[in-house]
Amino acid sequence: MVDWSYCPAVELAPEVVSGAWVFRGIRVPVVALFENLEDGVTVNEFVELFTGVNLMHARSVLEHAAKSAWFLTLKILLDQGRPVPLSVHKSDHRVSTCYELG
């Protein structure tokens, strides 16, 4: 789950769009960006479609989501502070990093 409270491009206002995270200063929900991207809309097209959202804010949201995903992955890989091997073992192949933690 992404913690949007650290993203300066968005805000949470209970009285706006049923309390959904929205782009700061306008009523466009953050989820609209991701739904449109899933439907094949480019970021530039999204900015054109949703008045008030600018390219800098859309990119900030995407960067925040990417960083959050990275930190979540890292948290999963660390089991109570103990590193685990970064590999997946399958019956006929192996995926690993260039080094494994011991």
C-alpha atoms as a PDB file:
ATOM      1  CA  MET A   1       0.000   0.000   0.000  1.00  0.00           C
ATOM      2  CA  VAL A   2       1.387   3.394  -0.963  1.00  0.00           C
ATOM      3  CA  ASP A   3       1.565   6.019   1.803  1.00  0.00           C
ATOM      4  CA  TRP A   4       0.549   9.150  -0.070  1.00  0.00           C
ATOM      5  CA  SER A   5       0.992  11.403   2.971  1.00  0.00           C
ATOM      6  CA  TYR A   6       4.638  11.970   1.955  1.00  0.00           C
ATOM      7  CA  CYS A   7       3.869  12.973  -1.628  1.00  0.00           C
ATOM      8  CA  PRO A   8       3.707  16.777  -1.990  1.00  0.00           C
ATOM      9  CA  ALA A   9       1.657  16.582  -5.204  1.00  0.00           C
ATOM     10  CA  VAL A  10      -1.420  15.122  -3.486  1.00  0.00           C
ATOM     11  CA  GLU A  11      -3.710  15.831  -0.568  1.00  0.00           C
ATOM     12  CA  LEU A  12      -6.388  14.076   1.435  1.00  0.00           C
ATOM     13  CA  ALA A  13      -9.468  16.116   2.224  1.00  0.00           C
ATOM     14  CA  PRO A  14     -12.476  14.214   3.580  1.00  0.00           C
ATOM     15  CA  GLU A  15     -14.886  16.693   1.999  1.00  0.00           C
ATOM     16  CA  VAL A  16     -13.368  16.275  -1.477  1.00  0.00           C
ATOM     17  CA  VAL A  17     -14.186  13.238  -3.661  1.00  0.00           C
ATOM     18  CA  SER A  18     -15.369  11.138  -0.696  1.00  0.00           C
ATOM     19  CA  GLY A  19     -12.016  11.438   1.045  1.00  0.00           C
ATOM     20  CA  ALA A  20      -9.930   9.970  -1.776  1.00  0.00           C
ATOM     21  CA  TRP A  21      -6.356  11.112  -2.350  1.00  0.00           C
ATOM     22  CA  VAL A  22      -6.503  13.850  -4.982  1.00  0.00           C
ATOM     23  CA  PHE A  23      -4.013  15.989  -6.850  1.00  0.00           C
ATOM     24  CA  ARG A  24      -3.290  18.994  -4.630  1.00  0.00           C
ATOM     25  CA  GLY A  25      -5.661  21.888  -5.215  1.00  0.00           C
ATOM     26  CA  ILE A  26      -7.996  20.065  -7.618  1.00  0.00           C
ATOM     27  CA  ARG A  27     -10.624  17.332  -7.423  1.00  0.00           C
ATOM     28  CA  VAL A  28      -8.914  14.738  -9.630  1.00  0.00           C
ATOM     29  CA  PRO A  29      -8.321  11.491  -7.711  1.00  0.00           C
ATOM     30  CA  VAL A  30      -4.818  10.021  -7.840  1.00  0.00           C
ATOM     31  CA  VAL A  31      -6.324   6.662  -8.786  1.00  0.00           C
ATOM     32  CA  ALA A  32      -7.559   8.249 -12.038  1.00  0.00           C
ATOM     33  CA  LEU A  33      -3.947   8.542 -13.215  1.00  0.00           C
ATOM     34  CA  PHE A  34      -3.279   4.842 -12.689  1.00  0.00           C
ATOM     35  CA  GLU A  35      -6.601   3.763 -14.196  1.00  0.00           C
ATOM     36  CA  ASN A  36      -5.902   5.820 -17.309  1.00  0.00           C
ATOM     37  CA  LEU A  37      -2.357   4.479 -17.610  1.00  0.00           C
ATOM     38  CA  GLU A  38      -3.759   0.935 -17.395  1.00  0.00           C
ATOM     39  CA  ASP A  39      -6.131   1.824 -20.239  1.00  0.00           C
ATOM     40  CA  GLY A  40      -3.201   2.908 -22.421  1.00  0.00           C
ATOM     41  CA  VAL A  41      -3.409   6.678 -21.931  1.00  0.00           C
ATOM     42  CA  THR A  42       0.017   8.338 -21.789  1.00  0.00           C
ATOM     43  CA  VAL A  43       0.957  10.727 -18.998  1.00  0.00           C
ATOM     44  CA  ASN A  44       0.909  13.624 -21.474  1.00  0.00           C
ATOM     45  CA  GLU A  45      -2.598  12.638 -22.634  1.00  0.00           C
ATOM     46  CA  PHE A  46      -3.744  12.346 -19.002  1.00  0.00           C
ATOM     47  CA  VAL A  47      -2.564  15.890 -18.296  1.00  0.00           C
ATOM     48  CA  GLU A  48      -4.483  17.128 -21.340  1.00  0.00           C
ATOM     49  CA  LEU A  49      -7.646  15.232 -20.321  1.00  0.00           C
ATOM     50  CA  PHE A  50      -7.717  16.364 -16.689  1.00  0.00           C
ATOM     51  CA  THR A  51      -7.701  20.124 -16.376  1.00  0.00           C
ATOM     52  CA  GLY A  52      -5.595  21.344 -13.502  1.00  0.00           C
ATOM     53  CA  VAL A  53      -3.202  18.392 -13.371  1.00  0.00           C
ATOM     54  CA  ASN A  54       0.190  19.381 -14.686  1.00  0.00           C
ATOM     55  CA  LEU A  55       2.979  17.137 -15.901  1.00  0.00           C
ATOM     56  CA  MET A  56       5.183  17.859 -12.878  1.00  0.00           C
ATOM     57  CA  HIS A  57       2.485  16.694 -10.452  1.00  0.00           C
ATOM     58  CA  ALA A  58       1.713  13.557 -12.469  1.00  0.00           C
ATOM     59  CA  ARG A  59       5.396  12.640 -12.599  1.00  0.00           C
ATOM     60  CA  SER A  60       5.748  13.314  -8.872  1.00  0.00           C
ATOM     61  CA  VAL A  61       2.900  10.883  -8.167  1.00  0.00           C
ATOM     62  CA  LEU A  62       4.461   8.214 -10.393  1.00  0.00           C
ATOM     63  CA  GLU A  63       7.886   8.666  -8.792  1.00  0.00           C
ATOM     64  CA  HIS A  64       6.390   8.438  -5.319  1.00  0.00           C
ATOM     65  CA  ALA A  65       4.541   5.234  -6.235  1.00  0.00           C
ATOM     66  CA  ALA A  66       7.727   3.741  -7.701  1.00  0.00           C
ATOM     67  CA  LYS A  67       9.767   4.592  -4.599  1.00  0.00           C
ATOM     68  CA  SER A  68       7.040   3.185  -2.362  1.00  0.00           C
ATOM     69  CA  ALA A  69       7.028  -0.070  -4.333  1.00  0.00           C
ATOM     70  CA  TRP A  70      10.810  -0.301  -4.006  1.00  0.00           C
ATOM     71  CA  PHE A  71      10.688   0.223  -0.239  1.00  0.00           C
ATOM     72  CA  LEU A  72       7.866  -2.309   0.125  1.00  0.00           C
ATOM     73  CA  THR A  73       9.910  -4.863  -1.809  1.00  0.00           C
ATOM     74  CA  LEU A  74      12.921  -4.198   0.402  1.00  0.00           C
ATOM     75  CA  LYS A  75      10.789  -4.567   3.520  1.00  0.00           C
ATOM     76  CA  ILE A  76       9.488  -7.923   2.297  1.00  0.00           C
ATOM     77  CA  LEU A  77      13.031  -9.121   1.588  1.00  0.00           C
ATOM     78  CA  LEU A  78      14.155  -8.264   5.096  1.00  0.00           C
ATOM     79  CA  ASP A  79      12.651 -10.710   7.535  1.00  0.00           C
ATOM     80  CA  GLN A  80      12.670  -8.921  10.889  1.00  0.00           C
ATOM     81  CA  GLY A  81      15.922  -7.186  10.021  1.00  0.00           C
ATOM     82  CA  ARG A  82      17.669 -10.348   8.808  1.00  0.00           C
ATOM     83  CA  PRO A  83      18.599 -10.395   5.111  1.00  0.00           C
ATOM     84  CA  VAL A  84      17.365 -13.322   3.039  1.00  0.00           C
ATOM     85  CA  PRO A  85      18.787 -14.587  -0.256  1.00  0.00           C
ATOM     86  CA  LEU A  86      17.449 -12.650  -3.207  1.00  0.00           C
ATOM     87  CA  SER A  87      16.638 -15.702  -5.282  1.00  0.00           C
ATOM     88  CA  VAL A  88      13.685 -17.752  -6.384  1.00  0.00           C
ATOM     89  CA  HIS A  89      14.148 -21.486  -6.846  1.00  0.00           C
ATOM     90  CA  LYS A  90      11.992 -23.245  -9.434  1.00  0.00           C
ATOM     91  CA  SER A  91      12.158 -26.825 -10.605  1.00  0.00           C
ATOM     92  CA  ASP A  92      14.030 -26.107 -13.831  1.00  0.00           C
ATOM     93  CA  HIS A  93      15.522 -22.619 -13.422  1.00  0.00           C
ATOM     94  CA  ARG A  94      16.912 -20.160 -10.918  1.00  0.00           C
ATOM     95  CA  VAL A  95      16.590 -16.387 -10.730  1.00  0.00           C
ATOM     96  CA  SER A  96      19.040 -14.466  -8.560  1.00  0.00           C
ATOM     97  CA  THR A  97      20.939 -11.235  -8.169  1.00  0.00           C
ATOM     98  CA  CYS A  98      24.631 -10.946  -9.043  1.00  0.00           C
ATOM     99  CA  TYR A  99      25.342 -11.775  -5.400  1.00  0.00           C
ATOM    100  CA  GLU A 100      23.415 -13.416  -2.625  1.00  0.00           C
ATOM    101  CA  LEU A 101      23.356 -12.418   1.003  1.00  0.00           C
ATOM    102  CA  GLY A 102      24.809 -15.092   3.259  1.00  0.00           C
END
